Amino acid sequence: MTDEVQKDFSFQSFIGAELADADFEGANLRRAIFDGANLEGANFSGADLRKASFVGANLMKAALDGADLRKAKFLKAKLSLSNMQDAKLEGADMRGIRGRYAIWRRADWWNARMDDSLSRALNKKWPRTRNE
């Protein structure tokens, strides 16, 4: 057990919030709602984002390394230039996102729902066989 206080924002609403460069590293954000929020450059490294909602949110240049994104909703979110290394994406809804230029290293993107065009692009750059 560390002396660090766990940041717990689970079940809270941040709809349309201006949170550019916010630090949510290691935070509990389960079922939090960030729909339409500006989260450009935010740090979500190691955060628990299970079933959180980011519909239409701006997550450009965001750090999502090692984040648990299982069953999160990212419909039409902007994820370009974000970093999702080692992220858990099983059941995440990523239809309509912009994220072709994000870093998907060791993220299980094939377990997420996404548009076929993005899936094909990711399969070329981050194929499952080299990415597990």
Protein backbone atom coordinates (compact mmCIF):
# COMPACT_ATOMS: atom_id res chain seq x y z
CA MET A 1 0.00 0.00 0.00
CA THR A 2 1.38 3.38 -0.99
CA ASP A 3 0.97 6.73 0.73
CA GLU A 4 -0.55 8.09 -2.48
CA VAL A 5 -4.23 8.88 -2.29
CA GLN A 6 -6.24 7.10 -5.01
CA LYS A 7 -7.97 9.61 -7.29
CA ASP A 8 -11.60 8.45 -7.52
CA PHE A 9 -13.84 10.17 -10.04
CA SER A 10 -15.96 7.11 -10.82
CA PHE A 11 -19.59 7.69 -11.83
CA GLN A 12 -19.01 11.47 -12.21
CA SER A 13 -20.02 13.66 -15.13
CA PHE A 14 -17.58 15.87 -17.03
CA ILE A 15 -19.84 16.48 -20.06
CA GLY A 16 -18.40 19.24 -22.25
CA ALA A 17 -15.71 20.04 -19.66
CA GLU A 18 -12.52 21.90 -20.57
CA LEU A 19 -9.87 19.50 -19.22
CA ALA A 20 -6.93 19.94 -21.60
CA ASP A 21 -3.68 18.63 -20.05
CA ALA A 22 -5.54 17.28 -16.97
CA ASP A 23 -3.73 14.66 -14.89
CA PHE A 24 -5.84 11.56 -14.23
CA GLU A 25 -2.88 9.15 -13.96
CA GLY A 26 -3.90 5.99 -12.11
CA ALA A 27 -7.35 7.42 -11.32
CA ASN A 28 -10.56 5.42 -10.92
CA LEU A 29 -12.80 6.81 -13.67
CA ARG A 30 -15.14 3.84 -14.06
CA ARG A 31 -18.41 4.89 -15.71
CA ALA A 32 -17.37 8.56 -15.73
CA ILE A 33 -18.93 10.59 -18.56
CA PHE A 34 -16.63 12.81 -20.66
CA ASP A 35 -18.96 13.25 -23.67
CA GLY A 36 -17.95 16.27 -25.75
CA ALA A 37 -15.14 17.18 -23.35
CA ASN A 38 -11.81 18.67 -24.41
CA LEU A 39 -9.17 16.30 -23.03
CA GLU A 40 -6.36 17.19 -25.42
CA GLY A 41 -3.02 16.22 -23.89
CA ALA A 42 -4.66 14.72 -20.77
CA ASN A 43 -2.84 11.97 -18.87
CA PHE A 44 -4.92 8.82 -18.28
CA SER A 45 -1.91 6.47 -17.91
CA GLY A 46 -2.85 3.44 -15.82
CA ALA A 47 -6.36 4.78 -15.18
CA ASP A 48 -9.41 2.55 -14.79
CA LEU A 49 -11.80 3.76 -17.49
CA ARG A 50 -14.05 0.70 -17.69
CA LYS A 51 -17.46 1.60 -19.12
CA ALA A 52 -16.56 5.32 -19.21
CA SER A 53 -18.08 7.42 -22.00
CA PHE A 54 -16.04 9.67 -24.31
CA VAL A 55 -18.62 10.20 -27.09
CA GLY A 56 -17.38 13.04 -29.32
CA ALA A 57 -14.56 13.92 -26.90
CA ASN A 58 -11.24 15.39 -27.99
CA LEU A 59 -8.49 13.03 -26.77
CA MET A 60 -5.81 14.17 -29.22
CA LYS A 61 -2.29 13.73 -27.80
CA ALA A 62 -3.74 12.07 -24.68
CA ALA A 63 -1.72 9.47 -22.77
CA LEU A 64 -3.74 6.27 -22.29
CA ASP A 65 -0.75 3.96 -21.66
CA GLY A 66 -1.77 0.90 -19.68
CA ALA A 67 -5.29 2.26 -19.18
CA ASP A 68 -8.20 -0.16 -18.78
CA LEU A 69 -10.65 0.92 -21.49
CA ARG A 70 -12.78 -2.21 -21.52
CA LYS A 71 -16.37 -1.53 -22.63
CA ALA A 72 -15.73 2.24 -22.77
CA LYS A 73 -17.58 4.28 -25.42
CA PHE A 74 -15.42 6.34 -27.78
CA LEU A 75 -17.98 6.95 -30.56
CA LYS A 76 -16.68 9.71 -32.87
CA ALA A 77 -13.93 10.67 -30.40
CA LYS A 78 -10.68 12.22 -31.66
CA LEU A 79 -7.76 10.00 -30.66
CA SER A 80 -5.17 11.13 -33.22
CA LEU A 81 -1.61 11.32 -31.90
CA SER A 82 -2.66 9.74 -28.60
CA ASN A 83 -0.70 6.93 -26.96
CA MET A 84 -2.52 3.69 -26.11
CA GLN A 85 0.44 1.39 -25.44
CA ASP A 86 -0.60 -1.66 -23.39
CA ALA A 87 -4.21 -0.42 -23.14
CA LYS A 88 -6.97 -2.99 -22.58
CA LEU A 89 -9.65 -2.43 -25.22
CA GLU A 90 -11.90 -5.48 -25.02
CA GLY A 91 -15.48 -4.48 -25.82
CA ALA A 92 -14.64 -0.77 -26.28
CA ASP A 93 -16.83 0.95 -28.88
CA MET A 94 -14.52 2.93 -31.14
CA ARG A 95 -16.76 3.39 -34.17
CA GLY A 96 -16.23 6.64 -36.02
CA ILE A 97 -13.06 7.60 -34.14
CA ARG A 98 -10.04 9.29 -35.61
CA GLY A 99 -7.06 7.35 -34.31
CA ARG A 100 -5.09 6.08 -37.25
CA TYR A 101 -2.02 8.09 -36.17
CA ALA A 102 -2.17 7.05 -32.52
CA ILE A 103 0.28 4.58 -30.95
CA TRP A 104 -1.46 1.23 -30.47
CA ARG A 105 1.59 -0.88 -29.43
CA ARG A 106 0.55 -3.97 -27.42
CA ALA A 107 -3.05 -2.70 -27.22
CA ASP A 108 -5.63 -5.35 -28.09
CA TRP A 109 -7.42 -3.16 -30.68
CA TRP A 110 -8.83 -6.26 -32.43
CA ASN A 111 -11.09 -6.84 -29.40
CA ALA A 112 -12.73 -3.40 -29.80
CA ARG A 113 -15.64 -2.47 -32.08
CA MET A 114 -14.40 -0.13 -34.81
CA ASP A 115 -14.91 0.84 -38.41
CA ASP A 116 -13.44 -1.57 -40.96
CA SER A 117 -11.24 1.17 -42.46
CA LEU A 118 -9.52 1.81 -39.12
CA SER A 119 -9.23 -1.90 -38.42
CA ARG A 120 -7.48 -2.43 -41.79
CA ALA A 121 -5.10 0.48 -41.16
CA LEU A 122 -4.21 -0.78 -37.67
CA ASN A 123 -3.72 -4.32 -38.96
CA LYS A 124 -1.05 -3.01 -41.35
CA LYS A 125 0.83 -0.94 -38.75
CA TRP A 126 0.11 -2.85 -35.51
CA PRO A 127 -0.67 -6.44 -36.62
CA ARG A 128 -1.99 -8.81 -34.00
CA THR A 129 0.86 -11.32 -34.42
CA ARG A 130 3.54 -8.74 -33.60
CA ASN A 131 1.43 -6.80 -31.15
CA GLU A 132 0.56 -9.40 -28.50
